[in-house]
Protein backbone atom coordinates (compact mmCIF):
# COMPACT_ATOMS: atom_id res chain seq x y z
CA MET A 1 80.74 120.21 135.39
CA PHE A 2 83.70 118.10 136.40
CA GLN A 3 86.72 119.41 138.29
CA ILE A 4 89.98 119.24 136.29
CA MET A 5 92.88 118.14 138.46
CA GLY A 6 96.25 119.73 137.72
CA GLY A 7 94.89 123.04 136.41
CA LYS A 8 96.08 124.73 133.28
CA MET A 9 98.13 121.86 131.87
CA ASN A 10 95.10 119.62 131.93
CA GLN A 11 92.89 122.29 130.39
CA LYS A 12 95.44 122.92 127.59
CA ILE A 13 95.78 119.28 126.59
CA LEU A 14 92.01 118.86 126.65
CA THR A 15 91.72 121.76 124.25
CA VAL A 16 94.32 120.12 121.93
CA TYR A 17 92.38 116.82 122.13
CA GLU A 18 89.08 118.50 121.44
CA ASN A 19 90.53 119.88 118.20
CA PHE A 20 91.58 116.41 116.98
CA GLN A 21 90.45 115.38 113.51
CA ASN A 22 91.70 112.37 111.60
CA VAL A 23 91.80 114.50 108.42
CA SER A 24 94.20 117.01 109.94
CA LEU A 25 96.79 114.91 111.73
CA SER A 26 99.52 117.37 110.78
CA ILE A 27 97.89 120.23 112.61
CA PHE A 28 97.11 118.00 115.64
CA PHE A 29 100.70 116.68 115.70
CA ASP A 30 102.18 120.18 115.63
CA GLU A 31 99.78 121.27 118.43
CA LEU A 32 101.05 118.38 120.54
CA ILE A 33 104.64 119.52 119.92
CA LEU A 34 103.71 123.09 120.92
CA PHE A 35 102.18 121.66 124.09
CA ILE A 36 105.41 119.78 124.89
CA ASN A 37 107.46 122.91 124.35
CA ARG A 38 105.05 125.00 126.50
CA TYR A 39 105.34 122.47 129.37
CA HIS A 40 109.00 121.65 128.86
CA TYR A 41 109.74 121.81 132.58
CA GLU A 42 107.09 119.21 133.47
CA PHE A 43 108.22 116.93 130.62
CA THR A 44 111.85 117.04 131.86
CA LYS A 45 110.72 115.28 135.03
CA TYR A 46 109.13 112.29 133.19
CA VAL A 47 110.66 111.91 129.69
CA SER A 48 114.29 111.14 128.89
CA LYS A 49 116.38 114.18 128.02
CA ASP A 50 117.41 112.93 124.56
CA TYR A 51 113.82 111.99 123.54
CA LEU A 52 112.44 115.26 124.87
CA GLU A 53 115.00 117.36 123.03
CA ALA A 54 114.28 115.48 119.82
CA MET A 55 110.47 115.70 120.21
CA GLU A 56 110.60 119.45 120.81
CA LYS A 57 112.08 119.80 117.31
CA PHE A 58 109.59 117.51 115.57
CA GLU A 59 107.35 118.95 112.87
CA ALA A 60 104.58 117.10 111.09
CA LYS A 61 106.17 117.75 107.70
CA TYR A 62 109.13 115.54 108.63
CA PHE A 63 106.99 112.42 109.27
CA ILE A 64 104.43 110.16 107.62
CA LEU A 65 101.74 110.48 110.25
CA GLY A 66 99.11 108.00 111.24
CA HIS A 67 100.59 104.97 109.49
CA SER A 68 99.77 102.37 112.14
CA ASP A 69 97.01 100.12 113.30
CA ASN A 70 95.91 102.65 115.94
CA ASN A 71 92.41 104.04 115.95
CA PHE A 72 93.25 107.58 116.94
CA GLU A 73 89.64 108.72 117.31
CA ILE A 74 88.97 106.08 120.00
CA GLY A 75 92.39 106.70 121.55
CA ILE A 76 91.93 110.46 121.86
CA SER A 77 88.45 109.96 123.35
CA TYR A 78 89.93 107.57 125.91
CA TYR A 79 92.77 110.00 126.74
CA ARG A 80 90.32 112.85 127.11
CA ASN A 81 88.27 110.78 129.56
CA LEU A 82 91.33 110.04 131.66
CA ILE A 83 92.20 113.70 131.91
CA GLU A 84 88.63 114.63 132.80
CA GLN A 85 88.86 112.06 135.59
CA GLY A 86 91.91 113.84 137.02
CA LEU A 87 95.09 112.52 135.36
CA ASP A 88 98.26 113.86 137.01
CA LYS A 89 101.08 115.73 135.22
CA GLU A 90 103.33 112.68 135.06
CA ASN A 91 100.74 110.63 133.22
CA ILE A 92 99.81 113.50 130.94
CA CYS A 93 103.49 113.82 129.92
CA ARG A 94 103.72 110.04 129.34
CA GLN A 95 100.38 110.02 127.43
CA VAL A 96 101.44 112.88 125.12
CA SER A 97 104.86 111.33 124.48
CA LEU A 98 103.24 107.99 123.61
CA LEU A 99 100.78 109.73 121.33
CA ILE A 100 103.62 111.48 119.45
CA TRP A 101 105.27 108.03 119.00
CA ASP A 102 102.03 106.42 117.86
CA LEU A 103 101.31 109.20 115.37
CA SER A 104 104.79 109.45 113.86
CA GLY A 105 106.07 105.88 114.09
CA TYR A 106 105.74 104.26 110.70
CA MET A 107 104.40 100.71 110.96
CA ILE A 108 105.61 98.25 108.30
CA ASP A 109 103.84 95.10 107.00
CA GLU A 110 106.18 92.83 108.96
CA ILE A 111 105.07 90.94 112.07
CA CYS A 112 107.55 90.85 114.93
CA PRO A 113 109.45 87.57 114.61
CA ILE A 114 109.98 87.49 118.39
CA CYS A 115 106.50 87.93 119.87
CA HIS A 116 104.32 87.55 116.78
CA ASP A 117 101.86 90.05 118.38
CA SER A 118 102.45 93.26 116.43
CA ASN A 119 103.82 94.77 113.24
CA LEU A 120 107.22 96.35 113.51
CA ARG A 121 107.76 100.13 113.37
CA LEU A 122 110.58 101.88 111.68
CA ALA A 123 112.64 103.87 114.13
CA SER A 124 115.93 105.65 114.16
CA SER A 125 118.84 106.34 116.44
CA ILE A 126 119.00 109.83 117.96
CA GLY A 127 121.62 110.94 115.42
CA ARG A 128 119.48 109.48 112.54
CA GLU A 129 122.43 107.35 111.43
CA LYS A 130 120.82 103.96 112.02
CA LEU A 131 117.45 102.67 110.77
CA ILE A 132 115.85 100.38 113.40
CA LYS A 133 112.96 97.95 113.28
CA PHE A 134 111.19 98.07 116.60
CA CYS A 135 108.31 96.15 118.22
CA ASP A 136 106.04 98.15 120.52
CA GLU A 137 104.82 94.97 122.23
CA CYS A 138 108.00 93.10 123.18
CA LEU A 139 110.47 95.95 122.62
CA SER A 140 112.63 93.86 120.32
CA THR A 141 115.07 95.93 118.35
CA GLU A 142 116.59 95.00 114.98
CA ILE A 143 119.51 96.86 113.45
CA ASP A 144 121.08 95.71 110.18
CA GLY A 145 119.13 92.43 110.32
CA LYS A 146 120.33 91.54 113.80
CA PHE A 147 118.29 91.62 117.01
CA VAL A 148 120.18 93.65 119.58
CA GLN A 149 119.85 94.94 123.11
CA THR A 150 120.26 98.70 123.23
CA ASP A 151 120.03 101.31 125.92
CA GLU A 152 120.14 104.04 123.25
CA GLU A 153 117.03 106.16 122.92
CA ILE A 154 115.17 105.66 119.65
CA LEU A 155 113.01 108.03 117.64
CA PRO A 156 110.32 107.47 115.06
CA ALA A 157 111.91 107.21 111.61
CA ASN A 158 111.44 110.40 109.65
CA ARG A 159 109.82 110.73 106.21
CA ASP A 160 113.17 110.49 104.33
CA GLN A 161 114.22 107.34 106.21
CA VAL A 162 110.81 105.69 105.63
CA ASN A 163 110.91 106.56 101.91
CA SER A 164 114.44 105.24 101.57
CA TYR A 165 113.45 101.98 103.30
CA LEU A 166 110.38 101.59 101.08
CA ARG A 167 112.46 102.20 97.92
CA GLU A 168 114.95 99.49 99.02
CA GLN A 169 112.11 97.04 99.69
CA ALA A 170 110.66 97.66 96.22
CA LEU A 171 113.92 96.68 94.51
């Protein structure tokens, strides 16, 4: 048997990953949020305060999960292998945060006009007052049809924001 570096945190995330099933993304997502809350102190060292505070309140029911071009089964297998090889706490925190983003970030059928490498995701400002189109590849950020530079933390758009956007597009 392999030796898990980092102890309990590594064992706990491995347990979460082992329970992953594509058909139950909601349960998996909520388990990731519980993991973040359980290891709040470790996450405070590696994740921005605003994003961490927002993530800790996330619930699967508030998002449209898994709407991206990610193959979560392959990704989780890869993440599990990294942890089994001895991933440190910093990289576990970053990995889980990225996974939350990938699961909850709604990808639209619009290629990034800047890099042409990826579809855009719908995101939101921390206060949920602005809907943002965001490219994971080049980090371009579009607000109200204008590409902007922003230092503001962004969150995945929630279910209501996505549905509102989709209704507007259908008109």
